[in-house]
Amino acid sequence: MDIVIRAMEAEDWSAVAKIYQDGINTEIATFQTEVPSYEDWDKSHIKACRLVAEHNGEVVGWTALSPISSRCVYAGVAEVSVYIGADHRRKQIGEKLLHTLISEAEKEGYWTLQSGILEINKASVALHNKLGFRLVGYRERIAKDSNGVWQNTVLMERRSTVVGIEN
């Protein structure tokens, strides 16, 4: 499958929002119950490192970073979001997106990327493991899903070997 990874543009929002909704519909990708407006999403995500995956001109996945804190000491730490459209999963698109995101994040000076993942989302946990993230935490019954069932999350992080602290 021929996939092009490129910078996300504001014009991509309708496709990105649809893919985000696909993730919400799985009930294992996020605790969100509705897609935010572009304005709210834009405010909560870092301007750099917003990427989309395209196949035959169609946006089929996206990834972006969110700040984990407003404190300047955490300027090199960000949280990862990665979503793949329902019809395009299990085709290594997530791996290509996350691999590119890691490279772009390091160019921007990020030394730690973290992801909070619902424990039941085995595919996302496996993807992050494959790309060098490690389990650093576990949160038991942290929030209820859309069906009112308590869910656990795992916290995974990847430390750069290129930028920031020495490992």
C-alpha atoms as a PDB file:
ATOM      1  CA  MET A   1       0.000   0.000   0.000  1.00  0.00           C
ATOM      2  CA  ASP A   2       1.416   3.345  -1.081  1.00  0.00           C
ATOM      3  CA  ILE A   3       1.200   5.746   1.874  1.00  0.00           C
ATOM      4  CA  VAL A   4       2.354   9.368   1.896  1.00  0.00           C
ATOM      5  CA  ILE A   5       3.000  11.017   5.268  1.00  0.00           C
ATOM      6  CA  ARG A   6       2.730  14.807   5.195  1.00  0.00           C
ATOM      7  CA  ALA A   7       2.069  17.783   7.435  1.00  0.00           C
ATOM      8  CA  MET A   8      -1.549  18.185   8.493  1.00  0.00           C
ATOM      9  CA  GLU A   9      -3.281  21.283   7.167  1.00  0.00           C
ATOM     10  CA  ALA A  10      -6.390  22.989   8.540  1.00  0.00           C
ATOM     11  CA  GLU A  11      -8.158  21.873   5.354  1.00  0.00           C
ATOM     12  CA  ASP A  12      -7.662  18.246   6.462  1.00  0.00           C
ATOM     13  CA  TRP A  13      -9.910  18.745   9.501  1.00  0.00           C
ATOM     14  CA  SER A  14     -13.057  17.120   8.091  1.00  0.00           C
ATOM     15  CA  ALA A  15     -11.113  13.926   7.267  1.00  0.00           C
ATOM     16  CA  VAL A  16      -9.216  14.064  10.567  1.00  0.00           C
ATOM     17  CA  ALA A  17     -12.484  14.548  12.485  1.00  0.00           C
ATOM     18  CA  LYS A  18     -14.063  11.567  10.709  1.00  0.00           C
ATOM     19  CA  ILE A  19     -11.077   9.378  11.629  1.00  0.00           C
ATOM     20  CA  TYR A  20     -11.249  10.673  15.205  1.00  0.00           C
ATOM     21  CA  GLN A  21     -14.929   9.669  15.265  1.00  0.00           C
ATOM     22  CA  ASP A  22     -13.943   6.223  13.959  1.00  0.00           C
ATOM     23  CA  GLY A  23     -11.632   5.948  16.984  1.00  0.00           C
ATOM     24  CA  ILE A  24     -14.366   7.070  19.370  1.00  0.00           C
ATOM     25  CA  ASN A  25     -16.679   4.464  17.846  1.00  0.00           C
ATOM     26  CA  THR A  26     -14.251   1.636  18.714  1.00  0.00           C
ATOM     27  CA  GLU A  27     -14.760   2.435  22.412  1.00  0.00           C
ATOM     28  CA  ILE A  28     -11.113   1.463  23.031  1.00  0.00           C
ATOM     29  CA  ALA A  29      -9.221   4.434  21.559  1.00  0.00           C
ATOM     30  CA  THR A  30     -10.270   7.296  23.840  1.00  0.00           C
ATOM     31  CA  PHE A  31     -12.586   8.298  26.648  1.00  0.00           C
ATOM     32  CA  GLN A  32     -13.785  11.185  24.451  1.00  0.00           C
ATOM     33  CA  THR A  33     -17.421  10.823  23.461  1.00  0.00           C
ATOM     34  CA  GLU A  34     -17.489  13.428  20.710  1.00  0.00           C
ATOM     35  CA  VAL A  35     -15.077  15.076  18.325  1.00  0.00           C
ATOM     36  CA  PRO A  36     -14.183  18.615  19.404  1.00  0.00           C
ATOM     37  CA  SER A  37     -14.454  21.593  17.096  1.00  0.00           C
ATOM     38  CA  TYR A  38     -11.361  22.337  15.035  1.00  0.00           C
ATOM     39  CA  GLU A  39     -10.768  25.459  17.124  1.00  0.00           C
ATOM     40  CA  ASP A  40     -10.740  23.484  20.392  1.00  0.00           C
ATOM     41  CA  TRP A  41      -8.615  20.702  18.904  1.00  0.00           C
ATOM     42  CA  ASP A  42      -6.185  23.239  17.440  1.00  0.00           C
ATOM     43  CA  LYS A  43      -5.748  24.984  20.810  1.00  0.00           C
ATOM     44  CA  SER A  44      -4.978  21.724  22.614  1.00  0.00           C
ATOM     45  CA  HIS A  45      -2.398  20.343  20.162  1.00  0.00           C
ATOM     46  CA  ILE A  46       1.136  21.484  19.439  1.00  0.00           C
ATOM     47  CA  LYS A  47       1.438  23.240  16.068  1.00  0.00           C
ATOM     48  CA  ALA A  48       4.501  21.231  15.023  1.00  0.00           C
ATOM     49  CA  CYS A  49       4.386  17.487  14.378  1.00  0.00           C
ATOM     50  CA  ARG A  50       0.802  17.294  13.110  1.00  0.00           C
ATOM     51  CA  LEU A  51       0.860  14.635  10.425  1.00  0.00           C
ATOM     52  CA  VAL A  52      -1.579  12.825   8.170  1.00  0.00           C
ATOM     53  CA  ALA A  53      -1.237   9.623   6.172  1.00  0.00           C
ATOM     54  CA  GLU A  54      -2.658   9.697   2.669  1.00  0.00           C
ATOM     55  CA  HIS A  55      -3.522   6.822   0.360  1.00  0.00           C
ATOM     56  CA  ASN A  56      -4.526   7.748  -3.198  1.00  0.00           C
ATOM     57  CA  GLY A  57      -5.140  11.332  -2.063  1.00  0.00           C
ATOM     58  CA  GLU A  58      -7.403  10.304   0.828  1.00  0.00           C
ATOM     59  CA  VAL A  59      -6.452  11.067   4.440  1.00  0.00           C
ATOM     60  CA  VAL A  60      -6.539   7.660   6.164  1.00  0.00           C
ATOM     61  CA  GLY A  61      -4.795   8.418   9.474  1.00  0.00           C
ATOM     62  CA  TRP A  62      -3.353  11.181  11.602  1.00  0.00           C
ATOM     63  CA  THR A  63      -1.072  11.843  14.523  1.00  0.00           C
ATOM     64  CA  ALA A  64      -0.363  14.892  16.666  1.00  0.00           C
ATOM     65  CA  LEU A  65       1.233  15.940  19.932  1.00  0.00           C
ATOM     66  CA  SER A  66      -0.303  17.609  22.969  1.00  0.00           C
ATOM     67  CA  PRO A  67       1.641  19.369  25.700  1.00  0.00           C
ATOM     68  CA  ILE A  68       1.665  17.482  28.995  1.00  0.00           C
ATOM     69  CA  SER A  69       2.154  20.632  31.057  1.00  0.00           C
ATOM     70  CA  SER A  70       2.341  24.396  30.679  1.00  0.00           C
ATOM     71  CA  ARG A  71       5.468  24.441  32.865  1.00  0.00           C
ATOM     72  CA  CYS A  72       8.603  25.265  30.852  1.00  0.00           C
ATOM     73  CA  VAL A  73      10.608  22.389  32.348  1.00  0.00           C
ATOM     74  CA  TYR A  74       8.356  19.962  30.437  1.00  0.00           C
ATOM     75  CA  ALA A  75       8.785  21.710  27.074  1.00  0.00           C
ATOM     76  CA  GLY A  76      10.475  18.617  25.609  1.00  0.00           C
ATOM     77  CA  VAL A  77       7.761  16.197  26.705  1.00  0.00           C
ATOM     78  CA  ALA A  78       4.548  15.640  24.769  1.00  0.00           C
ATOM     79  CA  GLU A  79       1.630  13.222  24.571  1.00  0.00           C
ATOM     80  CA  VAL A  80       0.995  11.305  21.359  1.00  0.00           C
ATOM     81  CA  SER A  81      -2.326  10.811  19.606  1.00  0.00           C
ATOM     82  CA  VAL A  82      -2.461   8.440  16.643  1.00  0.00           C
ATOM     83  CA  TYR A  83      -5.657   7.429  14.846  1.00  0.00           C
ATOM     84  CA  ILE A  84      -6.293   5.307  11.751  1.00  0.00           C
ATOM     85  CA  GLY A  85      -9.532   5.297   9.751  1.00  0.00           C
ATOM     86  CA  ALA A  86     -11.755   2.252  10.265  1.00  0.00           C
ATOM     87  CA  ASP A  87     -11.218   0.927   6.726  1.00  0.00           C
ATOM     88  CA  HIS A  88      -7.425   1.248   6.884  1.00  0.00           C
ATOM     89  CA  ARG A  89      -6.363  -0.459  10.102  1.00  0.00           C
ATOM     90  CA  ARG A  90      -3.879  -3.345  10.242  1.00  0.00           C
ATOM     91  CA  LYS A  91      -1.987  -2.054   7.198  1.00  0.00           C
ATOM     92  CA  GLN A  92       1.084  -0.616   9.029  1.00  0.00           C
ATOM     93  CA  ILE A  93      -0.206   2.945   8.561  1.00  0.00           C
ATOM     94  CA  GLY A  94      -0.035   3.597  12.303  1.00  0.00           C
ATOM     95  CA  GLU A  95       3.553   2.371  12.348  1.00  0.00           C
ATOM     96  CA  LYS A  96       4.522   4.699   9.476  1.00  0.00           C
ATOM     97  CA  LEU A  97       2.793   7.655  11.112  1.00  0.00           C
ATOM     98  CA  LEU A  98       4.275   7.054  14.558  1.00  0.00           C
ATOM     99  CA  HIS A  99       7.758   6.415  13.141  1.00  0.00           C
ATOM    100  CA  THR A 100       7.596   9.726  11.245  1.00  0.00           C
ATOM    101  CA  LEU A 101       6.169  11.518  14.287  1.00  0.00           C
ATOM    102  CA  ILE A 102       9.088  10.325  16.433  1.00  0.00           C
ATOM    103  CA  SER A 103      11.591  11.660  13.899  1.00  0.00           C
ATOM    104  CA  GLU A 104       9.779  14.998  13.540  1.00  0.00           C
ATOM    105  CA  ALA A 105       9.403  15.356  17.318  1.00  0.00           C
ATOM    106  CA  GLU A 106      13.140  14.846  17.809  1.00  0.00           C
ATOM    107  CA  LYS A 107      13.851  17.533  15.183  1.00  0.00           C
ATOM    108  CA  GLU A 108      11.604  19.842  17.236  1.00  0.00           C
ATOM    109  CA  GLY A 109      13.532  19.066  20.447  1.00  0.00           C
ATOM    110  CA  TYR A 110      11.166  16.606  22.143  1.00  0.00           C
ATOM    111  CA  TRP A 111      13.086  14.117  24.267  1.00  0.00           C
ATOM    112  CA  THR A 112      10.134  12.222  25.717  1.00  0.00           C
ATOM    113  CA  LEU A 113       6.928  11.131  24.040  1.00  0.00           C
ATOM    114  CA  GLN A 114       4.229   9.540  26.126  1.00  0.00           C
ATOM    115  CA  SER A 115       0.920   7.849  25.417  1.00  0.00           C
ATOM    116  CA  GLY A 116      -1.954   7.060  27.746  1.00  0.00           C
ATOM    117  CA  ILE A 117      -3.623   4.010  26.223  1.00  0.00           C
ATOM    118  CA  LEU A 118      -6.693   2.089  27.297  1.00  0.00           C
ATOM    119  CA  GLU A 119      -5.350  -1.241  28.505  1.00  0.00           C
ATOM    120  CA  ILE A 120      -7.845  -3.128  26.327  1.00  0.00           C
ATOM    121  CA  ASN A 121      -6.438  -1.486  23.173  1.00  0.00           C
ATOM    122  CA  LYS A 122      -3.922  -4.266  22.536  1.00  0.00           C
ATOM    123  CA  ALA A 123      -3.113  -3.078  18.985  1.00  0.00           C
ATOM    124  CA  SER A 124      -2.076   0.388  20.188  1.00  0.00           C
ATOM    125  CA  VAL A 125       0.004  -1.043  23.027  1.00  0.00           C
ATOM    126  CA  ALA A 126       1.748  -3.390  20.553  1.00  0.00           C
ATOM    127  CA  LEU A 127       2.377  -0.530  18.096  1.00  0.00           C
ATOM    128  CA  HIS A 128       3.963   1.628  20.771  1.00  0.00           C
ATOM    129  CA  ASN A 129       6.083  -1.292  22.020  1.00  0.00           C
ATOM    130  CA  LYS A 130       7.311  -1.951  18.483  1.00  0.00           C
ATOM    131  CA  LEU A 131       8.492   1.645  18.116  1.00  0.00           C
ATOM    132  CA  GLY A 132      10.473   1.787  21.338  1.00  0.00           C
ATOM    133  CA  PHE A 133       7.897   2.916  23.899  1.00  0.00           C
ATOM    134  CA  ARG A 134       8.005   1.164  27.257  1.00  0.00           C
ATOM    135  CA  LEU A 135       5.428   0.679  29.943  1.00  0.00           C
ATOM    136  CA  VAL A 136       6.033   3.137  32.779  1.00  0.00           C
ATOM    137  CA  GLY A 137       2.701   3.170  34.559  1.00  0.00           C
ATOM    138  CA  TYR A 138      -0.698   1.688  35.067  1.00  0.00           C
ATOM    139  CA  ARG A 139      -3.877   3.446  36.158  1.00  0.00           C
ATOM    140  CA  GLU A 140      -6.584   1.181  37.482  1.00  0.00           C
ATOM    141  CA  ARG A 141     -10.217   2.083  36.884  1.00  0.00           C
ATOM    142  CA  ILE A 142      -9.247   5.629  35.917  1.00  0.00           C
ATOM    143  CA  ALA A 143     -12.419   6.495  33.981  1.00  0.00           C
ATOM    144  CA  LYS A 144     -15.649   5.027  32.690  1.00  0.00           C
ATOM    145  CA  ASP A 145     -16.084   4.323  29.008  1.00  0.00           C
ATOM    146  CA  SER A 146     -19.182   5.372  27.064  1.00  0.00           C
ATOM    147  CA  ASN A 147     -21.009   2.275  28.376  1.00  0.00           C
ATOM    148  CA  GLY A 148     -20.305   3.181  31.992  1.00  0.00           C
ATOM    149  CA  VAL A 149     -17.664   0.455  32.428  1.00  0.00           C
ATOM    150  CA  TRP A 150     -14.540   1.356  34.404  1.00  0.00           C
ATOM    151  CA  GLN A 151     -11.397   1.023  32.306  1.00  0.00           C
ATOM    152  CA  ASN A 152      -7.698   0.872  33.073  1.00  0.00           C
ATOM    153  CA  THR A 153      -5.035   2.768  31.169  1.00  0.00           C
ATOM    154  CA  VAL A 154      -1.345   2.172  30.701  1.00  0.00           C
ATOM    155  CA  LEU A 155       1.221   4.933  30.385  1.00  0.00           C
ATOM    156  CA  MET A 156       3.938   4.303  27.833  1.00  0.00           C
ATOM    157  CA  GLU A 157       6.888   6.529  27.031  1.00  0.00           C
ATOM    158  CA  ARG A 158       9.724   6.734  24.582  1.00  0.00           C
ATOM    159  CA  ARG A 159      12.934   8.528  25.451  1.00  0.00           C
ATOM    160  CA  SER A 160      14.948   9.902  22.572  1.00  0.00           C
ATOM    161  CA  THR A 161      18.501   8.704  22.089  1.00  0.00           C
ATOM    162  CA  VAL A 162      19.120  11.728  19.868  1.00  0.00           C
ATOM    163  CA  VAL A 163      17.872  14.744  21.795  1.00  0.00           C
ATOM    164  CA  GLY A 164      17.578  15.762  25.455  1.00  0.00           C
ATOM    165  CA  ILE A 165      18.722  13.683  28.373  1.00  0.00           C
ATOM    166  CA  GLU A 166      21.280  10.960  27.932  1.00  0.00           C
ATOM    167  CA  ASN A 167      20.040   7.444  28.399  1.00  0.00           C
END
